[in-house]
Amino acid sequence: PLPAPVSIPVYRHGAIRYCRARDLPYAARSVFAQWAFGRERPDIA
């Protein structure tokens, strides 16, 4: 059977909707890091 769908919480900082990379399953973090390389990230101190 297929694994359960992954759901990641969405946070807000003012008008910016963001997620945290650490909320991804461990196995998906490195793949996401490669996929998202060079993409803009929100500036939240």
PDB file of all heavy atoms in Angstrom:
ATOM      1  N   PRO A   1       0.834  -1.208   0.000  1.00  0.00           N
ATOM      2  CA  PRO A   1       0.000   0.000   0.000  1.00  0.00           C
ATOM      3  C   PRO A   1       0.868   1.257   0.000  1.00  0.00           C
ATOM      4  O   PRO A   1       2.002   1.246   0.480  1.00  0.00           O
ATOM      5  CB  PRO A   1      -0.794  -0.118   1.311  1.00  0.00           C
ATOM      6  CG  PRO A   1      -0.029  -1.063   2.154  1.00  0.00           C
ATOM      7  CD  PRO A   1       0.702  -1.972   1.224  1.00  0.00           C
ATOM      8  N   LEU A   2       0.328   2.313  -0.556  1.00  0.00           N
ATOM      9  CA  LEU A   2       1.041   3.584  -0.585  1.00  0.00           C
ATOM     10  C   LEU A   2       1.148   4.150   0.826  1.00  0.00           C
ATOM     11  O   LEU A   2       0.254   3.939   1.659  1.00  0.00           O
ATOM     12  CB  LEU A   2       0.299   4.585  -1.470  1.00  0.00           C
ATOM     13  CG  LEU A   2       0.274   4.260  -2.951  1.00  0.00           C
ATOM     14  CD1 LEU A   2      -0.622   5.252  -3.687  1.00  0.00           C
ATOM     15  CD2 LEU A   2       1.672   4.301  -3.524  1.00  0.00           C
ATOM     16  N   PRO A   3       2.216   4.868   1.113  1.00  0.00           N
ATOM     17  CA  PRO A   3       2.328   5.484   2.435  1.00  0.00           C
ATOM     18  C   PRO A   3       1.283   6.588   2.601  1.00  0.00           C
ATOM     19  O   PRO A   3       0.754   7.110   1.625  1.00  0.00           O
ATOM     20  CB  PRO A   3       3.743   6.057   2.446  1.00  0.00           C
ATOM     21  CG  PRO A   3       4.126   6.189   1.023  1.00  0.00           C
ATOM     22  CD  PRO A   3       3.365   5.136   0.271  1.00  0.00           C
ATOM     23  N   ALA A   4       1.022   6.926   3.834  1.00  0.00           N
ATOM     24  CA  ALA A   4       0.050   7.985   4.120  1.00  0.00           C
ATOM     25  C   ALA A   4       0.566   9.313   3.565  1.00  0.00           C
ATOM     26  O   ALA A   4       1.780   9.556   3.550  1.00  0.00           O
ATOM     27  CB  ALA A   4      -0.168   8.097   5.622  1.00  0.00           C
ATOM     28  N   PRO A   5      -0.326  10.170   3.095  1.00  0.00           N
ATOM     29  CA  PRO A   5       0.112  11.469   2.587  1.00  0.00           C
ATOM     30  C   PRO A   5       0.796  12.282   3.686  1.00  0.00           C
ATOM     31  O   PRO A   5       0.433  12.198   4.856  1.00  0.00           O
ATOM     32  CB  PRO A   5      -1.178  12.154   2.142  1.00  0.00           C
ATOM     33  CG  PRO A   5      -2.251  11.149   2.215  1.00  0.00           C
ATOM     34  CD  PRO A   5      -1.753   9.989   3.000  1.00  0.00           C
ATOM     35  N   VAL A   6       1.781  13.054   3.284  1.00  0.00           N
ATOM     36  CA  VAL A   6       2.516  13.883   4.229  1.00  0.00           C
ATOM     37  C   VAL A   6       1.798  15.213   4.366  1.00  0.00           C
ATOM     38  O   VAL A   6       1.450  15.844   3.364  1.00  0.00           O
ATOM     39  CB  VAL A   6       3.958  14.116   3.721  1.00  0.00           C
ATOM     40  CG1 VAL A   6       4.716  15.047   4.637  1.00  0.00           C
ATOM     41  CG2 VAL A   6       4.675  12.792   3.571  1.00  0.00           C
ATOM     42  N   SER A   7       1.558  15.625   5.589  1.00  0.00           N
ATOM     43  CA  SER A   7       0.969  16.945   5.813  1.00  0.00           C
ATOM     44  C   SER A   7       1.922  17.746   6.698  1.00  0.00           C
ATOM     45  O   SER A   7       2.390  17.264   7.723  1.00  0.00           O
ATOM     46  CB  SER A   7      -0.411  16.843   6.452  1.00  0.00           C
ATOM     47  OG  SER A   7      -0.312  16.278   7.729  1.00  0.00           O
ATOM     48  N   ILE A   8       2.224  18.926   6.264  1.00  0.00           N
ATOM     49  CA  ILE A   8       3.177  19.797   6.938  1.00  0.00           C
ATOM     50  C   ILE A   8       2.412  21.010   7.461  1.00  0.00           C
ATOM     51  O   ILE A   8       1.637  21.620   6.724  1.00  0.00           O
ATOM     52  CB  ILE A   8       4.282  20.253   5.953  1.00  0.00           C
ATOM     53  CG1 ILE A   8       4.965  19.060   5.314  1.00  0.00           C
ATOM     54  CG2 ILE A   8       5.287  21.151   6.635  1.00  0.00           C
ATOM     55  CD1 ILE A   8       5.710  18.170   6.254  1.00  0.00           C
ATOM     56  N   PRO A   9       2.629  21.388   8.719  1.00  0.00           N
ATOM     57  CA  PRO A   9       1.937  22.580   9.226  1.00  0.00           C
ATOM     58  C   PRO A   9       2.418  23.853   8.524  1.00  0.00           C
ATOM     59  O   PRO A   9       3.583  23.962   8.154  1.00  0.00           O
ATOM     60  CB  PRO A   9       2.304  22.608  10.711  1.00  0.00           C
ATOM     61  CG  PRO A   9       3.467  21.707  10.871  1.00  0.00           C
ATOM     62  CD  PRO A   9       3.450  20.747   9.727  1.00  0.00           C
ATOM     63  N   VAL A  10       1.483  24.761   8.337  1.00  0.00           N
ATOM     64  CA  VAL A  10       1.791  26.058   7.717  1.00  0.00           C
ATOM     65  C   VAL A  10       1.726  27.115   8.802  1.00  0.00           C
ATOM     66  O   VAL A  10       0.749  27.200   9.551  1.00  0.00           O
ATOM     67  CB  VAL A  10       0.797  26.379   6.578  1.00  0.00           C
ATOM     68  CG1 VAL A  10       1.078  27.753   5.988  1.00  0.00           C
ATOM     69  CG2 VAL A  10       0.865  25.312   5.503  1.00  0.00           C
ATOM     70  N   TYR A  11       2.781  27.906   8.906  1.00  0.00           N
ATOM     71  CA  TYR A  11       2.879  28.965   9.905  1.00  0.00           C
ATOM     72  C   TYR A  11       2.690  30.313   9.225  1.00  0.00           C
ATOM     73  O   TYR A  11       2.776  30.425   8.011  1.00  0.00           O
ATOM     74  CB  TYR A  11       4.248  28.927  10.587  1.00  0.00           C
ATOM     75  CG  TYR A  11       4.601  27.588  11.186  1.00  0.00           C
ATOM     76  CD1 TYR A  11       5.403  26.681  10.496  1.00  0.00           C
ATOM     77  CD2 TYR A  11       4.134  27.223  12.440  1.00  0.00           C
ATOM     78  CE1 TYR A  11       5.725  25.452  11.045  1.00  0.00           C
ATOM     79  CE2 TYR A  11       4.457  25.991  12.998  1.00  0.00           C
ATOM     80  CZ  TYR A  11       5.255  25.117  12.292  1.00  0.00           C
ATOM     81  OH  TYR A  11       5.567  23.900  12.837  1.00  0.00           O
ATOM     82  N   ARG A  12       2.446  31.338  10.036  1.00  0.00           N
ATOM     83  CA  ARG A  12       2.304  32.699   9.515  1.00  0.00           C
ATOM     84  C   ARG A  12       3.230  33.634  10.289  1.00  0.00           C
ATOM     85  O   ARG A  12       3.364  33.536  11.498  1.00  0.00           O
ATOM     86  CB  ARG A  12       0.872  33.202   9.672  1.00  0.00           C
ATOM     87  CG  ARG A  12      -0.083  32.581   8.699  1.00  0.00           C
ATOM     88  CD  ARG A  12      -1.391  33.384   8.684  1.00  0.00           C
ATOM     89  NE  ARG A  12      -2.236  32.930   7.612  1.00  0.00           N
ATOM     90  CZ  ARG A  12      -2.159  33.371   6.371  1.00  0.00           C
ATOM     91  NH1 ARG A  12      -1.287  34.280   6.039  1.00  0.00           N
ATOM     92  NH2 ARG A  12      -2.971  32.912   5.440  1.00  0.00           N
ATOM     93  N   HIS A  13       3.836  34.525   9.556  1.00  0.00           N
ATOM     94  CA  HIS A  13       4.626  35.620  10.137  1.00  0.00           C
ATOM     95  C   HIS A  13       4.184  36.870   9.394  1.00  0.00           C
ATOM     96  O   HIS A  13       4.637  37.144   8.288  1.00  0.00           O
ATOM     97  CB  HIS A  13       6.124  35.362   9.952  1.00  0.00           C
ATOM     98  CG  HIS A  13       6.979  36.435  10.540  1.00  0.00           C
ATOM     99  ND1 HIS A  13       7.221  36.529  11.886  1.00  0.00           N
ATOM    100  CD2 HIS A  13       7.644  37.467   9.960  1.00  0.00           C
ATOM    101  CE1 HIS A  13       8.000  37.552  12.125  1.00  0.00           C
ATOM    102  NE2 HIS A  13       8.269  38.144  10.964  1.00  0.00           N
ATOM    103  N   GLY A  14       3.257  37.584   9.980  1.00  0.00           N
ATOM    104  CA  GLY A  14       2.652  38.710   9.278  1.00  0.00           C
ATOM    105  C   GLY A  14       1.836  38.183   8.104  1.00  0.00           C
ATOM    106  O   GLY A  14       0.949  37.351   8.267  1.00  0.00           O
ATOM    107  N   ALA A  15       2.177  38.629   6.913  1.00  0.00           N
ATOM    108  CA  ALA A  15       1.466  38.183   5.709  1.00  0.00           C
ATOM    109  C   ALA A  15       2.168  37.010   5.029  1.00  0.00           C
ATOM    110  O   ALA A  15       1.706  36.520   4.010  1.00  0.00           O
ATOM    111  CB  ALA A  15       1.336  39.344   4.735  1.00  0.00           C
ATOM    112  N   ILE A  16       3.275  36.560   5.596  1.00  0.00           N
ATOM    113  CA  ILE A  16       4.061  35.496   4.972  1.00  0.00           C
ATOM    114  C   ILE A  16       3.613  34.131   5.496  1.00  0.00           C
ATOM    115  O   ILE A  16       3.601  33.897   6.698  1.00  0.00           O
ATOM    116  CB  ILE A  16       5.567  35.678   5.260  1.00  0.00           C
ATOM    117  CG1 ILE A  16       6.055  37.016   4.727  1.00  0.00           C
ATOM    118  CG2 ILE A  16       6.374  34.539   4.652  1.00  0.00           C
ATOM    119  CD1 ILE A  16       7.459  37.360   5.150  1.00  0.00           C
ATOM    120  N   ARG A  17       3.238  33.259   4.581  1.00  0.00           N
ATOM    121  CA  ARG A  17       2.925  31.870   4.926  1.00  0.00           C
ATOM    122  C   ARG A  17       4.183  31.046   4.681  1.00  0.00           C
ATOM    123  O   ARG A  17       4.767  31.116   3.604  1.00  0.00           O
ATOM    124  CB  ARG A  17       1.783  31.345   4.061  1.00  0.00           C
ATOM    125  CG  ARG A  17       0.472  32.066   4.306  1.00  0.00           C
ATOM    126  CD  ARG A  17      -0.620  31.582   3.384  1.00  0.00           C
ATOM    127  NE  ARG A  17      -0.898  30.187   3.654  1.00  0.00           N
ATOM    128  CZ  ARG A  17      -0.923  29.213   2.736  1.00  0.00           C
ATOM    129  NH1 ARG A  17      -0.692  29.493   1.483  1.00  0.00           N
ATOM    130  NH2 ARG A  17      -1.177  27.979   3.062  1.00  0.00           N
ATOM    131  N   TYR A  18       4.623  30.303   5.702  1.00  0.00           N
ATOM    132  CA  TYR A  18       5.840  29.525   5.543  1.00  0.00           C
ATOM    133  C   TYR A  18       5.708  28.179   6.249  1.00  0.00           C
ATOM    134  O   TYR A  18       4.816  27.960   7.063  1.00  0.00           O
ATOM    135  CB  TYR A  18       7.055  30.299   6.082  1.00  0.00           C
ATOM    136  CG  TYR A  18       7.085  30.442   7.584  1.00  0.00           C
ATOM    137  CD1 TYR A  18       7.809  29.542   8.364  1.00  0.00           C
ATOM    138  CD2 TYR A  18       6.416  31.464   8.233  1.00  0.00           C
ATOM    139  CE1 TYR A  18       7.841  29.660   9.744  1.00  0.00           C
ATOM    140  CE2 TYR A  18       6.445  31.595   9.598  1.00  0.00           C
ATOM    141  CZ  TYR A  18       7.166  30.693  10.353  1.00  0.00           C
ATOM    142  OH  TYR A  18       7.199  30.809  11.719  1.00  0.00           O
ATOM    143  N   CYS A  19       6.604  27.286   5.902  1.00  0.00           N
ATOM    144  CA  CYS A  19       6.730  25.983   6.557  1.00  0.00           C
ATOM    145  C   CYS A  19       8.160  25.860   7.038  1.00  0.00           C
ATOM    146  O   CYS A  19       9.032  26.637   6.648  1.00  0.00           O
ATOM    147  CB  CYS A  19       6.416  24.850   5.572  1.00  0.00           C
ATOM    148  SG  CYS A  19       4.737  24.853   4.955  1.00  0.00           S
ATOM    149  N   ARG A  20       8.395  24.874   7.875  1.00  0.00           N
ATOM    150  CA  ARG A  20       9.752  24.617   8.340  1.00  0.00           C
ATOM    151  C   ARG A  20      10.248  23.328   7.711  1.00  0.00           C
ATOM    152  O   ARG A  20       9.535  22.330   7.674  1.00  0.00           O
ATOM    153  CB  ARG A  20       9.772  24.509   9.858  1.00  0.00           C
ATOM    154  CG  ARG A  20       9.288  25.808  10.508  1.00  0.00           C
ATOM    155  CD  ARG A  20       9.495  25.775  11.948  1.00  0.00           C
ATOM    156  NE  ARG A  20      10.931  25.986  12.188  1.00  0.00           N
ATOM    157  CZ  ARG A  20      11.409  26.383  13.344  1.00  0.00           C
ATOM    158  NH1 ARG A  20      10.615  26.570  14.361  1.00  0.00           N
ATOM    159  NH2 ARG A  20      12.702  26.552  13.498  1.00  0.00           N
ATOM    160  N   ALA A  21      11.473  23.353   7.223  1.00  0.00           N
ATOM    161  CA  ALA A  21      12.050  22.176   6.583  1.00  0.00           C
ATOM    162  C   ALA A  21      12.158  21.012   7.566  1.00  0.00           C
ATOM    163  O   ALA A  21      12.044  19.857   7.169  1.00  0.00           O
ATOM    164  CB  ALA A  21      13.415  22.509   5.989  1.00  0.00           C
ATOM    165  N   ARG A  22      12.327  21.297   8.837  1.00  0.00           N
ATOM    166  CA  ARG A  22      12.451  20.213   9.826  1.00  0.00           C
ATOM    167  C   ARG A  22      11.140  19.460  10.037  1.00  0.00           C
ATOM    168  O   ARG A  22      11.133  18.381  10.612  1.00  0.00           O
ATOM    169  CB  ARG A  22      12.974  20.751  11.149  1.00  0.00           C
ATOM    170  CG  ARG A  22      11.956  21.572  11.910  1.00  0.00           C
ATOM    171  CD  ARG A  22      12.474  21.978  13.245  1.00  0.00           C
ATOM    172  NE  ARG A  22      11.441  22.664  13.995  1.00  0.00           N
ATOM    173  CZ  ARG A  22      11.638  23.205  15.152  1.00  0.00           C
ATOM    174  NH1 ARG A  22      12.820  23.143  15.709  1.00  0.00           N
ATOM    175  NH2 ARG A  22      10.654  23.808  15.767  1.00  0.00           N
ATOM    176  N   ASP A  23      10.026  20.018   9.569  1.00  0.00           N
ATOM    177  CA  ASP A  23       8.736  19.329   9.683  1.00  0.00           C
ATOM    178  C   ASP A  23       8.564  18.247   8.617  1.00  0.00           C
ATOM    179  O   ASP A  23       7.652  17.433   8.706  1.00  0.00           O
ATOM    180  CB  ASP A  23       7.572  20.325   9.595  1.00  0.00           C
ATOM    181  CG  ASP A  23       7.483  21.229  10.816  1.00  0.00           C
ATOM    182  OD1 ASP A  23       7.993  20.825  11.882  1.00  0.00           O
ATOM    183  OD2 ASP A  23       6.907  22.320  10.696  1.00  0.00           O
ATOM    184  N   LEU A  24       9.421  18.249   7.604  1.00  0.00           N
ATOM    185  CA  LEU A  24       9.375  17.190   6.594  1.00  0.00           C
ATOM    186  C   LEU A  24       9.878  15.880   7.200  1.00  0.00           C
ATOM    187  O   LEU A  24      10.701  15.901   8.121  1.00  0.00           O
ATOM    188  CB  LEU A  24      10.279  17.550   5.409  1.00  0.00           C
ATOM    189  CG  LEU A  24       9.759  18.576   4.436  1.00  0.00           C
ATOM    190  CD1 LEU A  24      10.875  19.018   3.498  1.00  0.00           C
ATOM    191  CD2 LEU A  24       8.606  18.025   3.643  1.00  0.00           C
ATOM    192  N   PRO A  25       9.404  14.746   6.695  1.00  0.00           N
ATOM    193  CA  PRO A  25       9.972  13.471   7.162  1.00  0.00           C
ATOM    194  C   PRO A  25      11.473  13.446   6.893  1.00  0.00           C
ATOM    195  O   PRO A  25      11.958  14.019   5.914  1.00  0.00           O
ATOM    196  CB  PRO A  25       9.251  12.414   6.319  1.00  0.00           C
ATOM    197  CG  PRO A  25       8.015  13.086   5.842  1.00  0.00           C
ATOM    198  CD  PRO A  25       8.334  14.554   5.737  1.00  0.00           C
ATOM    199  N   TYR A  26      12.210  12.780   7.754  1.00  0.00           N
ATOM    200  CA  TYR A  26      13.671  12.774   7.681  1.00  0.00           C
ATOM    201  C   TYR A  26      14.181  12.364   6.296  1.00  0.00           C
ATOM    202  O   TYR A  26      15.097  12.977   5.760  1.00  0.00           O
ATOM    203  CB  TYR A  26      14.242  11.849   8.756  1.00  0.00           C
ATOM    204  CG  TYR A  26      15.739  11.832   8.787  1.00  0.00           C
ATOM    205  CD1 TYR A  26      16.438  12.894   9.340  1.00  0.00           C
ATOM    206  CD2 TYR A  26      16.459  10.773   8.239  1.00  0.00           C
ATOM    207  CE1 TYR A  26      17.817  12.909   9.358  1.00  0.00           C
ATOM    208  CE2 TYR A  26      17.835  10.774   8.254  1.00  0.00           C
ATOM    209  CZ  TYR A  26      18.513  11.842   8.817  1.00  0.00           C
ATOM    210  OH  TYR A  26      19.875  11.847   8.822  1.00  0.00           O
ATOM    211  N   ALA A  27      13.578  11.337   5.720  1.00  0.00           N
ATOM    212  CA  ALA A  27      14.036  10.836   4.417  1.00  0.00           C
ATOM    213  C   ALA A  27      13.817  11.851   3.296  1.00  0.00           C
ATOM    214  O   ALA A  27      14.523  11.831   2.288  1.00  0.00           O
ATOM    215  CB  ALA A  27      13.326   9.532   4.077  1.00  0.00           C
ATOM    216  N   ALA A  28      12.872  12.749   3.441  1.00  0.00           N
ATOM    217  CA  ALA A  28      12.553  13.705   2.384  1.00  0.00           C
ATOM    218  C   ALA A  28      13.349  15.006   2.500  1.00  0.00           C
ATOM    219  O   ALA A  28      13.393  15.784   1.556  1.00  0.00           O
ATOM    220  CB  ALA A  28      11.067  14.030   2.405  1.00  0.00           C
ATOM    221  N   ARG A  29      14.002  15.230   3.632  1.00  0.00           N
ATOM    222  CA  ARG A  29      14.695  16.512   3.834  1.00  0.00           C
ATOM    223  C   ARG A  29      15.825  16.738   2.852  1.00  0.00           C
ATOM    224  O   ARG A  29      15.959  17.824   2.288  1.00  0.00           O
ATOM    225  CB  ARG A  29      15.230  16.594   5.262  1.00  0.00           C
ATOM    226  CG  ARG A  29      14.145  16.751   6.278  1.00  0.00           C
ATOM    227  CD  ARG A  29      14.698  16.825   7.670  1.00  0.00           C
ATOM    228  NE  ARG A  29      13.627  16.564   8.620  1.00  0.00           N
ATOM    229  CZ  ARG A  29      13.811  16.295   9.882  1.00  0.00           C
ATOM    230  NH1 ARG A  29      15.044  16.242  10.370  1.00  0.00           N
ATOM    231  NH2 ARG A  29      12.786  16.061  10.665  1.00  0.00           N
ATOM    232  N   SER A  30      16.661  15.746   2.634  1.00  0.00           N
ATOM    233  CA  SER A  30      17.796  15.949   1.723  1.00  0.00           C
ATOM    234  C   SER A  30      17.318  16.093   0.282  1.00  0.00           C
ATOM    235  O   SER A  30      17.873  16.889  -0.486  1.00  0.00           O
ATOM    236  CB  SER A  30      18.805  14.811   1.852  1.00  0.00           C
ATOM    237  OG  SER A  30      18.216  13.589   1.483  1.00  0.00           O
ATOM    238  N   VAL A  31      16.287  15.352  -0.091  1.00  0.00           N
ATOM    239  CA  VAL A  31      15.733  15.470  -1.445  1.00  0.00           C
ATOM    240  C   VAL A  31      15.128  16.857  -1.629  1.00  0.00           C
ATOM    241  O   VAL A  31      15.310  17.503  -2.658  1.00  0.00           O
ATOM    242  CB  VAL A  31      14.681  14.370  -1.707  1.00  0.00           C
ATOM    243  CG1 VAL A  31      14.052  14.531  -3.077  1.00  0.00           C
ATOM    244  CG2 VAL A  31      15.298  12.998  -1.557  1.00  0.00           C
ATOM    245  N   PHE A  32      14.417  17.340  -0.613  1.00  0.00           N
ATOM    246  CA  PHE A  32      13.842  18.679  -0.692  1.00  0.00           C
ATOM    247  C   PHE A  32      14.942  19.732  -0.770  1.00  0.00           C
ATOM    248  O   PHE A  32      14.829  20.697  -1.529  1.00  0.00           O
ATOM    249  CB  PHE A  32      12.927  18.967   0.502  1.00  0.00           C
ATOM    250  CG  PHE A  32      12.386  20.365   0.488  1.00  0.00           C
ATOM    251  CD1 PHE A  32      11.380  20.714  -0.388  1.00  0.00           C
ATOM    252  CD2 PHE A  32      12.905  21.340   1.331  1.00  0.00           C
ATOM    253  CE1 PHE A  32      10.889  22.018  -0.431  1.00  0.00           C
ATOM    254  CE2 PHE A  32      12.429  22.634   1.298  1.00  0.00           C
ATOM    255  CZ  PHE A  32      11.414  22.972   0.416  1.00  0.00           C
ATOM    256  N   ALA A  33      16.012  19.558  -0.009  1.00  0.00           N
ATOM    257  CA  ALA A  33      17.113  20.525  -0.028  1.00  0.00           C
ATOM    258  C   ALA A  33      17.706  20.634  -1.435  1.00  0.00           C
ATOM    259  O   ALA A  33      18.006  21.734  -1.906  1.00  0.00           O
ATOM    260  CB  ALA A  33      18.179  20.135   0.978  1.00  0.00           C
ATOM    261  N   GLN A  34      17.861  19.513  -2.115  1.00  0.00           N
ATOM    262  CA  GLN A  34      18.364  19.541  -3.490  1.00  0.00           C
ATOM    263  C   GLN A  34      17.340  20.179  -4.426  1.00  0.00           C
ATOM    264  O   GLN A  34      17.695  20.965  -5.308  1.00  0.00           O
ATOM    265  CB  GLN A  34      18.686  18.132  -3.969  1.00  0.00           C
ATOM    266  CG  GLN A  34      19.873  17.533  -3.279  1.00  0.00           C
ATOM    267  CD  GLN A  34      20.089  16.084  -3.679  1.00  0.00           C
ATOM    268  OE1 GLN A  34      19.249  15.472  -4.343  1.00  0.00           O
ATOM    269  NE2 GLN A  34      21.203  15.522  -3.262  1.00  0.00           N
ATOM    270  N   TRP A  35      16.071  19.827  -4.244  1.00  0.00           N
ATOM    271  CA  TRP A  35      15.004  20.351  -5.096  1.00  0.00           C
ATOM    272  C   TRP A  35      14.879  21.867  -4.934  1.00  0.00           C
ATOM    273  O   TRP A  35      14.665  22.596  -5.899  1.00  0.00           O
ATOM    274  CB  TRP A  35      13.689  19.667  -4.738  1.00  0.00           C
ATOM    275  CG  TRP A  35      12.524  20.093  -5.558  1.00  0.00           C
ATOM    276  CD1 TRP A  35      12.127  19.571  -6.746  1.00  0.00           C
ATOM    277  CD2 TRP A  35      11.589  21.136  -5.241  1.00  0.00           C
ATOM    278  NE1 TRP A  35      11.006  20.211  -7.192  1.00  0.00           N
ATOM    279  CE2 TRP A  35      10.649  21.176  -6.291  1.00  0.00           C
ATOM    280  CE3 TRP A  35      11.454  22.021  -4.193  1.00  0.00           C
ATOM    281  CZ2 TRP A  35       9.600  22.081  -6.308  1.00  0.00           C
ATOM    282  CZ3 TRP A  35      10.413  22.927  -4.203  1.00  0.00           C
ATOM    283  CH2 TRP A  35       9.495  22.951  -5.252  1.00  0.00           C
ATOM    284  N   ALA A  36      15.015  22.351  -3.702  1.00  0.00           N
ATOM    285  CA  ALA A  36      14.788  23.765  -3.411  1.00  0.00           C
ATOM    286  C   ALA A  36      16.051  24.614  -3.518  1.00  0.00           C
ATOM    287  O   ALA A  36      16.008  25.812  -3.240  1.00  0.00           O
ATOM    288  CB  ALA A  36      14.195  23.907  -2.006  1.00  0.00           C
ATOM    289  N   PHE A  37      17.167  24.018  -3.928  1.00  0.00           N
ATOM    290  CA  PHE A  37      18.419  24.769  -4.021  1.00  0.00           C
ATOM    291  C   PHE A  37      18.248  25.968  -4.952  1.00  0.00           C
ATOM    292  O   PHE A  37      17.774  25.848  -6.075  1.00  0.00           O
ATOM    293  CB  PHE A  37      19.539  23.866  -4.548  1.00  0.00           C
ATOM    294  CG  PHE A  37      20.863  24.566  -4.624  1.00  0.00           C
ATOM    295  CD1 PHE A  37      21.604  24.790  -3.483  1.00  0.00           C
ATOM    296  CD2 PHE A  37      21.356  25.019  -5.837  1.00  0.00           C
ATOM    297  CE1 PHE A  37      22.821  25.437  -3.544  1.00  0.00           C
ATOM    298  CE2 PHE A  37      22.571  25.671  -5.911  1.00  0.00           C
ATOM    299  CZ  PHE A  37      23.305  25.884  -4.765  1.00  0.00           C
ATOM    300  N   GLY A  38      18.627  27.137  -4.454  1.00  0.00           N
ATOM    301  CA  GLY A  38      18.543  28.355  -5.251  1.00  0.00           C
ATOM    302  C   GLY A  38      17.196  29.054  -5.198  1.00  0.00           C
ATOM    303  O   GLY A  38      17.052  30.141  -5.753  1.00  0.00           O
ATOM    304  N   ARG A  39      16.207  28.448  -4.560  1.00  0.00           N
ATOM    305  CA  ARG A  39      14.894  29.093  -4.463  1.00  0.00           C
ATOM    306  C   ARG A  39      14.908  30.150  -3.353  1.00  0.00           C
ATOM    307  O   ARG A  39      15.642  30.047  -2.387  1.00  0.00           O
ATOM    308  CB  ARG A  39      13.801  28.071  -4.164  1.00  0.00           C
ATOM    309  CG  ARG A  39      13.513  27.172  -5.340  1.00  0.00           C
ATOM    310  CD  ARG A  39      12.330  26.282  -4.993  1.00  0.00           C
ATOM    311  NE  ARG A  39      11.959  25.477  -6.123  1.00  0.00           N
ATOM    312  CZ  ARG A  39      10.989  25.779  -6.978  1.00  0.00           C
ATOM    313  NH1 ARG A  39      10.280  26.869  -6.808  1.00  0.00           N
ATOM    314  NH2 ARG A  39      10.724  25.004  -7.989  1.00  0.00           N
ATOM    315  N   GLU A  40      14.057  31.127  -3.521  1.00  0.00           N
ATOM    316  CA  GLU A  40      13.919  32.185  -2.531  1.00  0.00           C
ATOM    317  C   GLU A  40      13.334  31.619  -1.240  1.00  0.00           C
ATOM    318  O   GLU A  40      12.462  30.753  -1.268  1.00  0.00           O
ATOM    319  CB  GLU A  40      12.979  33.256  -3.096  1.00  0.00           C
ATOM    320  CG  GLU A  40      12.671  34.370  -2.149  1.00  0.00           C
ATOM    321  CD  GLU A  40      11.613  35.310  -2.698  1.00  0.00           C
ATOM    322  OE1 GLU A  40      11.259  35.203  -3.882  1.00  0.00           O
ATOM    323  OE2 GLU A  40      11.131  36.135  -1.919  1.00  0.00           O
ATOM    324  N   ARG A  41      13.839  32.109  -0.114  1.00  0.00           N
ATOM    325  CA  ARG A  41      13.320  31.699   1.196  1.00  0.00           C
ATOM    326  C   ARG A  41      12.823  32.932   1.935  1.00  0.00           C
ATOM    327  O   ARG A  41      13.363  34.024   1.771  1.00  0.00           O
ATOM    328  CB  ARG A  41      14.411  31.022   2.013  1.00  0.00           C
ATOM    329  CG  ARG A  41      14.807  29.704   1.411  1.00  0.00           C
ATOM    330  CD  ARG A  41      15.778  28.994   2.292  1.00  0.00           C
ATOM    331  NE  ARG A  41      15.961  27.656   1.767  1.00  0.00           N
ATOM    332  CZ  ARG A  41      16.001  26.577   2.505  1.00  0.00           C
ATOM    333  NH1 ARG A  41      15.886  26.668   3.809  1.00  0.00           N
ATOM    334  NH2 ARG A  41      16.167  25.395   1.969  1.00  0.00           N
ATOM    335  N   PRO A  42      11.798  32.751   2.769  1.00  0.00           N
ATOM    336  CA  PRO A  42      11.311  33.905   3.527  1.00  0.00           C
ATOM    337  C   PRO A  42      12.353  34.370   4.540  1.00  0.00           C
ATOM    338  O   PRO A  42      13.096  33.565   5.098  1.00  0.00           O
ATOM    339  CB  PRO A  42      10.054  33.378   4.225  1.00  0.00           C
ATOM    340  CG  PRO A  42      10.074  31.916   4.091  1.00  0.00           C
ATOM    341  CD  PRO A  42      11.018  31.557   3.011  1.00  0.00           C
ATOM    342  N   ASP A  43      12.416  35.671   4.756  1.00  0.00           N
ATOM    343  CA  ASP A  43      13.390  36.250   5.687  1.00  0.00           C
ATOM    344  C   ASP A  43      12.727  36.421   7.048  1.00  0.00           C
ATOM    345  O   ASP A  43      12.143  37.459   7.357  1.00  0.00           O
ATOM    346  CB  ASP A  43      13.887  37.593   5.149  1.00  0.00           C
ATOM    347  CG  ASP A  43      15.007  38.163   5.997  1.00  0.00           C
ATOM    348  OD1 ASP A  43      15.663  37.387   6.726  1.00  0.00           O
ATOM    349  OD2 ASP A  43      15.223  39.387   5.927  1.00  0.00           O
ATOM    350  N   ILE A  44      12.816  35.373   7.857  1.00  0.00           N
ATOM    351  CA  ILE A  44      12.259  35.386   9.212  1.00  0.00           C
ATOM    352  C   ILE A  44      13.427  35.119  10.154  1.00  0.00           C
ATOM    353  O   ILE A  44      13.997  34.022  10.155  1.00  0.00           O
ATOM    354  CB  ILE A  44      11.148  34.339   9.378  1.00  0.00           C
ATOM    355  CG1 ILE A  44      10.051  34.601   8.344  1.00  0.00           C
ATOM    356  CG2 ILE A  44      10.594  34.357  10.785  1.00  0.00           C
ATOM    357  CD1 ILE A  44       9.006  33.532   8.263  1.00  0.00           C
ATOM    358  N   ALA A  45      13.803  36.122  10.935  1.00  0.00           N
ATOM    359  CA  ALA A  45      15.027  36.070  11.738  1.00  0.00           C
ATOM    360  C   ALA A  45      15.055  34.889  12.707  1.00  0.00           C
ATOM    361  O   ALA A  45      16.068  34.221  12.847  1.00  0.00           O
ATOM    362  CB  ALA A  45      15.204  37.377  12.496  1.00  0.00           C
TER     363      ALA A  45
END
